[in-house]
Amino acid sequence: MKSFTWVGGRPSVNFTATLGKRLQDPFERIPAPEDLSRWFRDAGLSDDLVDVSPRTYSQAIDLREALYRLFTGTALDVDVVNRWSSRPLPGPRLTPDLTLERPATAANGLLTVLARDAVELLASPLGDRIHTCAADDCSLLFVDESRAGRRRWCSMNTCGARAKMSHYRDGLRTSVNSGRG
């Protein structure tokens, strides 16, 4: 079972990470409808596993790829995203004792939630701060919410740490080699 990656900062950006190593040797983190159901739950979009039909699964993959292209500026797949974001969703309700009740949402409703998240993100000031990780072997996207806006890696714990260690080792090699001369 492939593990999911949660470095994007927003559900719609995290959804694009369900295809790993996109630019090298791509692998699918949600290879079947039941994996998409697990992703919805693990992403906090649903409290329980939802039924995902093969058709909805195929539509989810299409939406994911449209989001990736839109976030990276490689294509303006606004029609696909708008089609999903404009679908009606049941809203939260109050119970007689004034507690919040969230209606169960079907898988296609969760795709609507993802599309709306992307629309809100792209139309916000953070829309220009969606970046691809700077690591050569990583293609994950993230929203740069740092004050300076100079975040380079999807995660300091993985890609950032590897890059800094590589830079450190290169510095050691340079100083050792220059000391021999």
N, C-alpha and C. Protein backbone atom coordinates (compact mmCIF):
# COMPACT_ATOMS: atom_id res chain seq x y z
N MET A 1 0.84 -1.17 0.00
CA MET A 1 0.00 0.00 0.00
C MET A 1 0.89 1.24 0.00
N LYS A 2 0.74 2.07 -1.02
CA LYS A 2 1.52 3.31 -1.12
C LYS A 2 1.06 4.30 -0.06
N SER A 3 2.02 5.02 0.50
CA SER A 3 1.67 6.05 1.48
C SER A 3 1.39 7.36 0.75
N PHE A 4 0.63 8.21 1.40
CA PHE A 4 0.28 9.49 0.81
C PHE A 4 1.23 10.56 1.30
N THR A 5 1.31 11.63 0.53
CA THR A 5 2.18 12.75 0.83
C THR A 5 1.33 13.97 1.14
N TRP A 6 1.69 14.68 2.21
CA TRP A 6 0.88 15.81 2.67
C TRP A 6 1.74 17.06 2.83
N VAL A 7 2.44 17.46 1.81
CA VAL A 7 3.33 18.63 1.91
C VAL A 7 2.81 19.84 1.13
N GLY A 8 1.71 19.71 0.44
CA GLY A 8 1.23 20.75 -0.45
C GLY A 8 0.65 21.97 0.23
N GLY A 9 0.12 21.79 1.42
CA GLY A 9 -0.45 22.92 2.15
C GLY A 9 -1.93 23.14 1.91
N ARG A 10 -2.50 22.53 0.90
CA ARG A 10 -3.93 22.63 0.60
C ARG A 10 -4.40 21.28 0.06
N PRO A 11 -5.66 20.91 0.30
CA PRO A 11 -6.14 19.61 -0.19
C PRO A 11 -5.98 19.45 -1.71
N SER A 12 -6.28 20.48 -2.48
CA SER A 12 -6.18 20.35 -3.94
C SER A 12 -4.73 20.16 -4.38
N VAL A 13 -3.81 20.80 -3.71
CA VAL A 13 -2.38 20.64 -4.05
C VAL A 13 -1.90 19.26 -3.60
N ASN A 14 -2.32 18.83 -2.42
CA ASN A 14 -1.97 17.48 -1.96
C ASN A 14 -2.53 16.42 -2.89
N PHE A 15 -3.67 16.68 -3.48
CA PHE A 15 -4.27 15.70 -4.39
C PHE A 15 -3.38 15.47 -5.60
N THR A 16 -2.67 16.50 -6.07
CA THR A 16 -1.78 16.31 -7.21
C THR A 16 -0.61 15.38 -6.87
N ALA A 17 -0.31 15.23 -5.58
CA ALA A 17 0.80 14.37 -5.15
C ALA A 17 0.41 12.89 -5.15
N THR A 18 -0.83 12.58 -5.55
CA THR A 18 -1.20 11.16 -5.62
C THR A 18 -0.57 10.48 -6.83
N LEU A 19 0.09 11.25 -7.67
CA LEU A 19 0.96 10.68 -8.70
C LEU A 19 2.38 11.10 -8.31
N GLY A 20 3.16 10.14 -7.89
CA GLY A 20 4.52 10.43 -7.42
C GLY A 20 5.55 10.36 -8.53
N LYS A 21 6.67 11.04 -8.32
CA LYS A 21 7.81 11.03 -9.26
C LYS A 21 7.35 11.29 -10.69
N ARG A 22 6.46 12.24 -10.85
CA ARG A 22 5.83 12.56 -12.12
C ARG A 22 6.80 12.80 -13.26
N LEU A 23 7.96 13.40 -12.99
CA LEU A 23 8.90 13.76 -14.04
C LEU A 23 10.01 12.74 -14.24
N GLN A 24 10.06 11.72 -13.39
CA GLN A 24 11.11 10.71 -13.51
C GLN A 24 10.50 9.36 -13.88
N ASP A 25 10.07 8.63 -12.87
CA ASP A 25 9.48 7.31 -13.06
C ASP A 25 8.15 7.30 -12.32
N PRO A 26 7.08 7.84 -12.94
CA PRO A 26 5.81 8.06 -12.23
C PRO A 26 5.25 6.78 -11.60
N PHE A 27 4.68 6.96 -10.41
CA PHE A 27 3.96 5.85 -9.78
C PHE A 27 2.68 6.40 -9.17
N GLU A 28 1.67 5.57 -9.22
CA GLU A 28 0.34 5.94 -8.78
C GLU A 28 0.15 5.58 -7.31
N ARG A 29 -0.18 6.58 -6.50
CA ARG A 29 -0.44 6.34 -5.08
C ARG A 29 -1.90 5.94 -4.84
N ILE A 30 -2.75 6.17 -5.83
CA ILE A 30 -4.15 5.75 -5.73
C ILE A 30 -4.48 4.87 -6.95
N PRO A 31 -3.91 3.66 -7.01
CA PRO A 31 -4.08 2.85 -8.22
C PRO A 31 -5.47 2.25 -8.41
N ALA A 32 -6.33 2.36 -7.40
CA ALA A 32 -7.66 1.76 -7.51
C ALA A 32 -8.67 2.63 -6.76
N PRO A 33 -9.96 2.47 -7.07
CA PRO A 33 -10.98 3.26 -6.40
C PRO A 33 -10.91 3.21 -4.87
N GLU A 34 -10.60 2.08 -4.30
CA GLU A 34 -10.54 1.98 -2.84
C GLU A 34 -9.37 2.81 -2.26
N ASP A 35 -8.32 3.01 -3.04
CA ASP A 35 -7.21 3.85 -2.60
C ASP A 35 -7.62 5.32 -2.60
N LEU A 36 -8.41 5.70 -3.59
CA LEU A 36 -8.94 7.07 -3.61
C LEU A 36 -9.84 7.29 -2.40
N SER A 37 -10.65 6.32 -2.07
CA SER A 37 -11.51 6.40 -0.89
C SER A 37 -10.67 6.61 0.38
N ARG A 38 -9.59 5.86 0.48
CA ARG A 38 -8.68 5.98 1.64
C ARG A 38 -8.03 7.36 1.64
N TRP A 39 -7.66 7.88 0.46
CA TRP A 39 -7.06 9.21 0.39
C TRP A 39 -8.05 10.27 0.89
N PHE A 40 -9.30 10.19 0.44
CA PHE A 40 -10.32 11.15 0.91
C PHE A 40 -10.39 11.16 2.44
N ARG A 41 -10.41 9.97 3.03
CA ARG A 41 -10.49 9.88 4.49
C ARG A 41 -9.22 10.42 5.14
N ASP A 42 -8.06 10.01 4.65
CA ASP A 42 -6.80 10.43 5.25
C ASP A 42 -6.55 11.93 5.06
N ALA A 43 -7.12 12.51 4.00
CA ALA A 43 -6.99 13.95 3.76
C ALA A 43 -7.93 14.76 4.64
N GLY A 44 -8.80 14.08 5.37
CA GLY A 44 -9.74 14.76 6.24
C GLY A 44 -10.97 15.28 5.51
N LEU A 45 -11.19 14.83 4.29
CA LEU A 45 -12.36 15.27 3.54
C LEU A 45 -13.60 14.45 3.88
N SER A 46 -13.39 13.29 4.48
CA SER A 46 -14.48 12.41 4.85
C SER A 46 -14.10 11.70 6.15
N ASP A 47 -15.07 11.49 7.00
CA ASP A 47 -14.80 10.76 8.24
C ASP A 47 -14.68 9.27 8.01
N ASP A 48 -15.34 8.79 6.98
CA ASP A 48 -15.38 7.36 6.68
C ASP A 48 -14.91 7.11 5.25
N LEU A 49 -14.70 5.84 4.96
CA LEU A 49 -14.41 5.47 3.57
C LEU A 49 -15.69 5.64 2.76
N VAL A 50 -15.58 6.24 1.60
CA VAL A 50 -16.74 6.44 0.73
C VAL A 50 -16.65 5.47 -0.44
N ASP A 51 -17.78 5.15 -1.01
CA ASP A 51 -17.78 4.30 -2.21
C ASP A 51 -17.30 5.13 -3.39
N VAL A 52 -16.37 4.56 -4.14
CA VAL A 52 -15.85 5.22 -5.34
C VAL A 52 -16.06 4.27 -6.51
N SER A 53 -16.90 4.68 -7.44
CA SER A 53 -17.15 3.86 -8.62
C SER A 53 -15.97 3.98 -9.58
N PRO A 54 -15.82 3.03 -10.49
CA PRO A 54 -14.76 3.15 -11.49
C PRO A 54 -14.88 4.44 -12.31
N ARG A 55 -16.09 4.88 -12.61
CA ARG A 55 -16.30 6.12 -13.36
C ARG A 55 -15.82 7.32 -12.55
N THR A 56 -16.19 7.39 -11.28
CA THR A 56 -15.76 8.50 -10.44
C THR A 56 -14.25 8.47 -10.26
N TYR A 57 -13.68 7.29 -10.15
CA TYR A 57 -12.22 7.16 -10.05
C TYR A 57 -11.54 7.76 -11.29
N SER A 58 -12.05 7.41 -12.46
CA SER A 58 -11.49 7.94 -13.71
C SER A 58 -11.63 9.46 -13.77
N GLN A 59 -12.77 9.97 -13.33
CA GLN A 59 -12.98 11.42 -13.30
C GLN A 59 -12.03 12.08 -12.31
N ALA A 60 -11.74 11.41 -11.21
CA ALA A 60 -10.81 11.96 -10.21
C ALA A 60 -9.41 12.10 -10.80
N ILE A 61 -8.98 11.10 -11.55
CA ILE A 61 -7.66 11.16 -12.18
C ILE A 61 -7.64 12.32 -13.18
N ASP A 62 -8.71 12.48 -13.96
CA ASP A 62 -8.78 13.60 -14.91
C ASP A 62 -8.71 14.94 -14.18
N LEU A 63 -9.43 15.07 -13.06
CA LEU A 63 -9.40 16.31 -12.29
C LEU A 63 -8.01 16.54 -11.71
N ARG A 64 -7.40 15.49 -11.18
CA ARG A 64 -6.05 15.64 -10.62
C ARG A 64 -5.08 16.17 -11.66
N GLU A 65 -5.11 15.62 -12.85
CA GLU A 65 -4.19 16.05 -13.90
C GLU A 65 -4.51 17.47 -14.37
N ALA A 66 -5.78 17.83 -14.42
CA ALA A 66 -6.16 19.20 -14.77
C ALA A 66 -5.65 20.17 -13.70
N LEU A 67 -5.77 19.79 -12.44
CA LEU A 67 -5.26 20.64 -11.36
C LEU A 67 -3.76 20.81 -11.47
N TYR A 68 -3.04 19.73 -11.73
CA TYR A 68 -1.58 19.81 -11.84
C TYR A 68 -1.19 20.76 -12.98
N ARG A 69 -1.83 20.60 -14.12
CA ARG A 69 -1.51 21.47 -15.26
C ARG A 69 -1.85 22.92 -14.95
N LEU A 70 -2.94 23.14 -14.28
CA LEU A 70 -3.35 24.49 -13.93
C LEU A 70 -2.39 25.11 -12.91
N PHE A 71 -2.01 24.33 -11.90
CA PHE A 71 -1.10 24.83 -10.86
C PHE A 71 0.29 25.11 -11.41
N THR A 72 0.73 24.34 -12.41
CA THR A 72 2.08 24.53 -12.96
C THR A 72 2.07 25.46 -14.17
N GLY A 73 0.91 25.88 -14.60
CA GLY A 73 0.83 26.80 -15.72
C GLY A 73 1.10 26.15 -17.06
N THR A 74 1.05 24.82 -17.12
CA THR A 74 1.33 24.14 -18.38
C THR A 74 0.10 24.10 -19.28
N ALA A 75 -1.08 24.25 -18.70
CA ALA A 75 -2.32 24.32 -19.49
C ALA A 75 -3.40 24.94 -18.62
N LEU A 76 -4.28 25.64 -19.26
CA LEU A 76 -5.38 26.27 -18.53
C LEU A 76 -6.61 25.38 -18.61
N ASP A 77 -6.65 24.36 -17.78
CA ASP A 77 -7.78 23.43 -17.74
C ASP A 77 -8.90 23.97 -16.85
N VAL A 78 -9.27 25.21 -17.08
CA VAL A 78 -10.29 25.82 -16.23
C VAL A 78 -11.65 25.17 -16.43
N ASP A 79 -11.93 24.67 -17.63
CA ASP A 79 -13.25 24.05 -17.86
C ASP A 79 -13.45 22.83 -16.98
N VAL A 80 -12.44 21.98 -16.88
CA VAL A 80 -12.55 20.78 -16.05
C VAL A 80 -12.75 21.17 -14.59
N VAL A 81 -11.95 22.09 -14.11
CA VAL A 81 -12.03 22.51 -12.72
C VAL A 81 -13.35 23.22 -12.45
N ASN A 82 -13.75 24.12 -13.33
CA ASN A 82 -15.01 24.84 -13.15
C ASN A 82 -16.22 23.91 -13.18
N ARG A 83 -16.17 22.91 -14.02
CA ARG A 83 -17.28 21.94 -14.09
C ARG A 83 -17.48 21.28 -12.72
N TRP A 84 -16.36 20.92 -12.08
CA TRP A 84 -16.46 20.28 -10.77
C TRP A 84 -16.79 21.29 -9.67
N SER A 85 -16.20 22.46 -9.71
CA SER A 85 -16.41 23.41 -8.62
C SER A 85 -17.82 23.99 -8.58
N SER A 86 -18.52 23.96 -9.70
CA SER A 86 -19.86 24.54 -9.75
C SER A 86 -20.97 23.55 -9.38
N ARG A 87 -20.63 22.33 -9.09
CA ARG A 87 -21.65 21.35 -8.70
C ARG A 87 -22.17 21.66 -7.30
N PRO A 88 -23.46 21.42 -7.08
CA PRO A 88 -24.02 21.69 -5.75
C PRO A 88 -23.52 20.69 -4.71
N LEU A 89 -23.39 21.17 -3.49
CA LEU A 89 -22.99 20.34 -2.35
C LEU A 89 -23.93 20.59 -1.19
N PRO A 90 -24.25 19.55 -0.43
CA PRO A 90 -25.04 19.81 0.78
C PRO A 90 -24.18 20.55 1.79
N GLY A 91 -24.77 21.52 2.43
CA GLY A 91 -24.02 22.30 3.41
C GLY A 91 -24.16 21.74 4.82
N PRO A 92 -23.35 22.26 5.74
CA PRO A 92 -23.47 21.83 7.13
C PRO A 92 -24.80 22.31 7.71
N ARG A 93 -25.27 21.62 8.72
CA ARG A 93 -26.56 21.96 9.34
C ARG A 93 -26.39 22.02 10.85
N LEU A 94 -27.31 22.72 11.46
CA LEU A 94 -27.37 22.75 12.92
C LEU A 94 -28.42 21.76 13.40
N THR A 95 -28.09 21.03 14.45
CA THR A 95 -29.06 20.13 15.07
C THR A 95 -29.88 20.94 16.07
N PRO A 96 -30.98 20.39 16.58
CA PRO A 96 -31.78 21.12 17.57
C PRO A 96 -30.99 21.55 18.81
N ASP A 97 -29.92 20.81 19.15
CA ASP A 97 -29.11 21.22 20.31
C ASP A 97 -27.93 22.11 19.90
N LEU A 98 -28.02 22.67 18.69
CA LEU A 98 -27.04 23.63 18.15
C LEU A 98 -25.63 23.07 17.99
N THR A 99 -25.54 21.81 17.61
CA THR A 99 -24.24 21.24 17.26
C THR A 99 -24.18 21.12 15.74
N LEU A 100 -22.96 21.09 15.24
CA LEU A 100 -22.74 21.02 13.80
C LEU A 100 -22.94 19.60 13.31
N GLU A 101 -23.68 19.48 12.23
CA GLU A 101 -23.89 18.18 11.59
C GLU A 101 -23.44 18.31 10.15
N ARG A 102 -22.50 17.49 9.78
CA ARG A 102 -22.02 17.50 8.39
C ARG A 102 -22.64 16.32 7.67
N PRO A 103 -23.33 16.59 6.58
CA PRO A 103 -23.92 15.47 5.83
C PRO A 103 -22.81 14.65 5.17
N ALA A 104 -23.05 13.37 5.05
CA ALA A 104 -22.09 12.51 4.35
C ALA A 104 -22.02 12.98 2.90
N THR A 105 -20.82 13.04 2.37
CA THR A 105 -20.63 13.49 1.00
C THR A 105 -20.12 12.33 0.16
N ALA A 106 -20.75 12.14 -0.98
CA ALA A 106 -20.33 11.08 -1.90
C ALA A 106 -18.99 11.45 -2.54
N ALA A 107 -18.35 10.48 -3.16
CA ALA A 107 -17.03 10.69 -3.75
C ALA A 107 -17.03 11.83 -4.76
N ASN A 108 -18.06 11.91 -5.61
CA ASN A 108 -18.05 13.00 -6.59
C ASN A 108 -18.23 14.35 -5.90
N GLY A 109 -18.89 14.40 -4.75
CA GLY A 109 -18.97 15.63 -3.97
C GLY A 109 -17.61 16.02 -3.42
N LEU A 110 -16.80 15.04 -3.07
CA LEU A 110 -15.46 15.33 -2.56
C LEU A 110 -14.57 15.88 -3.68
N LEU A 111 -14.81 15.46 -4.91
CA LEU A 111 -14.09 16.05 -6.04
C LEU A 111 -14.50 17.51 -6.21
N THR A 112 -15.76 17.81 -5.93
CA THR A 112 -16.23 19.20 -5.97
C THR A 112 -15.51 20.02 -4.90
N VAL A 113 -15.35 19.44 -3.72
CA VAL A 113 -14.62 20.14 -2.64
C VAL A 113 -13.19 20.44 -3.09
N LEU A 114 -12.53 19.49 -3.72
CA LEU A 114 -11.15 19.70 -4.20
C LEU A 114 -11.10 20.79 -5.27
N ALA A 115 -12.03 20.75 -6.19
CA ALA A 115 -12.05 21.77 -7.25
C ALA A 115 -12.30 23.15 -6.67
N ARG A 116 -13.21 23.26 -5.71
CA ARG A 116 -13.47 24.56 -5.08
C ARG A 116 -12.25 25.06 -4.31
N ASP A 117 -11.55 24.15 -3.67
CA ASP A 117 -10.32 24.53 -2.97
C ASP A 117 -9.31 25.11 -3.95
N ALA A 118 -9.18 24.49 -5.11
CA ALA A 118 -8.24 24.97 -6.13
C ALA A 118 -8.67 26.34 -6.66
N VAL A 119 -9.96 26.52 -6.90
CA VAL A 119 -10.46 27.80 -7.41
C VAL A 119 -10.16 28.91 -6.40
N GLU A 120 -10.47 28.63 -5.13
CA GLU A 120 -10.22 29.64 -4.07
C GLU A 120 -8.73 29.94 -3.95
N LEU A 121 -7.88 28.91 -4.05
CA LEU A 121 -6.44 29.09 -3.95
C LEU A 121 -5.92 29.93 -5.11
N LEU A 122 -6.29 29.56 -6.32
CA LEU A 122 -5.77 30.26 -7.50
C LEU A 122 -6.24 31.70 -7.57
N ALA A 123 -7.41 31.99 -7.02
CA ALA A 123 -7.93 33.36 -7.04
C ALA A 123 -7.44 34.19 -5.86
N SER A 124 -6.69 33.59 -4.97
CA SER A 124 -6.19 34.28 -3.77
C SER A 124 -4.78 34.81 -4.02
N PRO A 125 -4.26 35.61 -3.09
CA PRO A 125 -2.86 36.06 -3.22
C PRO A 125 -1.86 34.89 -3.24
N LEU A 126 -2.24 33.75 -2.70
CA LEU A 126 -1.34 32.59 -2.71
C LEU A 126 -1.32 31.88 -4.06
N GLY A 127 -2.19 32.28 -4.98
CA GLY A 127 -2.24 31.64 -6.29
C GLY A 127 -0.93 31.74 -7.05
N ASP A 128 -0.15 32.78 -6.77
CA ASP A 128 1.15 32.94 -7.41
C ASP A 128 2.28 32.28 -6.63
N ARG A 129 1.93 31.61 -5.55
CA ARG A 129 2.95 31.00 -4.70
C ARG A 129 2.85 29.47 -4.69
N ILE A 130 2.34 28.91 -5.74
CA ILE A 130 2.31 27.45 -5.89
C ILE A 130 3.57 27.10 -6.67
N HIS A 131 4.44 26.31 -6.05
CA HIS A 131 5.74 26.01 -6.65
C HIS A 131 5.98 24.50 -6.73
N THR A 132 6.88 24.14 -7.62
CA THR A 132 7.36 22.77 -7.71
C THR A 132 8.63 22.67 -6.88
N CYS A 133 8.78 21.58 -6.15
CA CYS A 133 9.96 21.37 -5.32
C CYS A 133 11.23 21.53 -6.16
N ALA A 134 12.24 22.15 -5.58
CA ALA A 134 13.50 22.42 -6.29
C ALA A 134 14.41 21.20 -6.37
N ALA A 135 14.09 20.13 -5.65
CA ALA A 135 14.92 18.93 -5.71
C ALA A 135 14.83 18.30 -7.10
N ASP A 136 15.97 17.86 -7.63
CA ASP A 136 16.00 17.29 -8.97
C ASP A 136 15.13 16.05 -9.13
N ASP A 137 14.97 15.29 -8.05
CA ASP A 137 14.24 14.04 -8.13
C ASP A 137 12.82 14.14 -7.56
N CYS A 138 12.30 15.36 -7.44
CA CYS A 138 10.97 15.55 -6.86
C CYS A 138 10.14 16.47 -7.76
N SER A 139 8.88 16.14 -7.90
CA SER A 139 7.98 16.97 -8.71
C SER A 139 6.76 17.42 -7.92
N LEU A 140 6.82 17.30 -6.60
CA LEU A 140 5.68 17.67 -5.78
C LEU A 140 5.46 19.18 -5.77
N LEU A 141 4.21 19.57 -5.69
CA LEU A 141 3.84 20.97 -5.61
C LEU A 141 3.59 21.35 -4.16
N PHE A 142 3.77 22.63 -3.85
CA PHE A 142 3.46 23.13 -2.52
C PHE A 142 3.07 24.59 -2.62
N VAL A 143 2.33 25.05 -1.62
CA VAL A 143 1.98 26.46 -1.53
C VAL A 143 2.98 27.11 -0.59
N ASP A 144 3.70 28.08 -1.09
CA ASP A 144 4.71 28.78 -0.29
C ASP A 144 4.03 29.86 0.54
N GLU A 145 3.86 29.57 1.82
CA GLU A 145 3.23 30.53 2.72
C GLU A 145 4.27 31.21 3.61
N SER A 146 5.54 31.06 3.28
CA SER A 146 6.59 31.70 4.06
C SER A 146 6.51 33.21 3.88
N ARG A 147 6.94 33.93 4.87
CA ARG A 147 6.87 35.40 4.82
C ARG A 147 7.65 35.95 3.63
N ALA A 148 8.86 35.45 3.42
CA ALA A 148 9.70 35.96 2.34
C ALA A 148 9.29 35.42 0.96
N GLY A 149 8.54 34.32 0.95
CA GLY A 149 8.14 33.74 -0.32
C GLY A 149 9.26 33.06 -1.06
N ARG A 150 10.25 32.52 -0.33
CA ARG A 150 11.42 31.90 -0.97
C ARG A 150 11.57 30.42 -0.65
N ARG A 151 10.51 29.79 -0.22
CA ARG A 151 10.59 28.36 0.07
C ARG A 151 10.95 27.62 -1.21
N ARG A 152 11.85 26.65 -1.10
CA ARG A 152 12.35 25.95 -2.28
C ARG A 152 11.93 24.49 -2.36
N TRP A 153 11.71 23.87 -1.22
CA TRP A 153 11.46 22.42 -1.21
C TRP A 153 10.07 22.10 -0.70
N CYS A 154 9.57 20.96 -1.13
CA CYS A 154 8.25 20.53 -0.67
C CYS A 154 8.27 20.29 0.84
N SER A 155 9.40 19.81 1.33
CA SER A 155 9.54 19.54 2.76
C SER A 155 11.00 19.68 3.17
N MET A 156 11.23 20.38 4.25
CA MET A 156 12.60 20.48 4.79
C MET A 156 13.06 19.14 5.35
N ASN A 157 12.12 18.30 5.78
CA ASN A 157 12.48 17.01 6.37
C ASN A 157 12.97 16.01 5.34
N THR A 158 12.61 16.18 4.10
CA THR A 158 13.04 15.22 3.08
C THR A 158 13.91 15.92 2.03
N CYS A 159 13.29 16.56 1.07
CA CYS A 159 14.05 17.16 -0.04
C CYS A 159 14.99 18.26 0.44
N GLY A 160 14.54 19.11 1.34
CA GLY A 160 15.40 20.18 1.85
C GLY A 160 16.60 19.63 2.59
N ALA A 161 16.39 18.62 3.42
CA ALA A 161 17.50 18.03 4.18
C ALA A 161 18.50 17.36 3.24
N ARG A 162 17.99 16.65 2.22
CA ARG A 162 18.90 16.01 1.25
C ARG A 162 19.71 17.05 0.49
N ALA A 163 19.07 18.14 0.09
CA ALA A 163 19.77 19.20 -0.66
C ALA A 163 20.84 19.85 0.20
N LYS A 164 20.52 20.13 1.45
CA LYS A 164 21.50 20.76 2.33
C LYS A 164 22.66 19.81 2.62
N MET A 165 22.37 18.53 2.79
CA MET A 165 23.43 17.55 3.03
C MET A 165 24.32 17.43 1.80
N SER A 166 23.73 17.42 0.62
CA SER A 166 24.50 17.35 -0.62
C SER A 166 25.39 18.59 -0.76
N HIS A 167 24.84 19.75 -0.47
CA HIS A 167 25.61 21.00 -0.53
C HIS A 167 26.78 20.95 0.47
N TYR A 168 26.52 20.44 1.66
CA TYR A 168 27.55 20.31 2.69
C TYR A 168 28.66 19.36 2.23
N ARG A 169 28.28 18.22 1.66
CA ARG A 169 29.27 17.24 1.18
C ARG A 169 30.10 17.82 0.03
N ASP A 170 29.43 18.56 -0.87
CA ASP A 170 30.17 19.20 -1.96
C ASP A 170 31.19 20.19 -1.42
N GLY A 171 30.81 20.93 -0.37
CA GLY A 171 31.73 21.87 0.26
C GLY A 171 32.92 21.16 0.89
N LEU A 172 32.65 20.01 1.52
CA LEU A 172 33.74 19.23 2.11
C LEU A 172 34.70 18.73 1.03
N ARG A 173 34.12 18.21 -0.06
CA ARG A 173 34.96 17.71 -1.16
C ARG A 173 35.81 18.84 -1.74
N THR A 174 35.22 20.01 -1.90
CA THR A 174 35.96 21.15 -2.46
C THR A 174 37.10 21.54 -1.54
N SER A 175 36.83 21.61 -0.23
CA SER A 175 37.89 22.02 0.69
C SER A 175 38.99 20.96 0.79
N VAL A 176 38.61 19.69 0.71
CA VAL A 176 39.62 18.62 0.76
C VAL A 176 40.46 18.66 -0.51
N ASN A 177 39.79 18.78 -1.67
CA ASN A 177 40.51 18.82 -2.94
C ASN A 177 41.39 20.06 -3.07
N SER A 178 40.93 21.20 -2.58
CA SER A 178 41.75 22.42 -2.70
C SER A 178 42.92 22.38 -1.71
N GLY A 179 42.81 21.61 -0.64
CA GLY A 179 43.89 21.47 0.32
C GLY A 179 45.03 20.61 -0.20
N ARG A 180 44.73 19.80 -1.21
CA ARG A 180 45.76 18.91 -1.76
C ARG A 180 46.64 19.64 -2.76
N GLY A 181 46.09 20.71 -3.33
CA GLY A 181 46.76 21.38 -4.43
C GLY A 181 47.96 22.07 -4.05
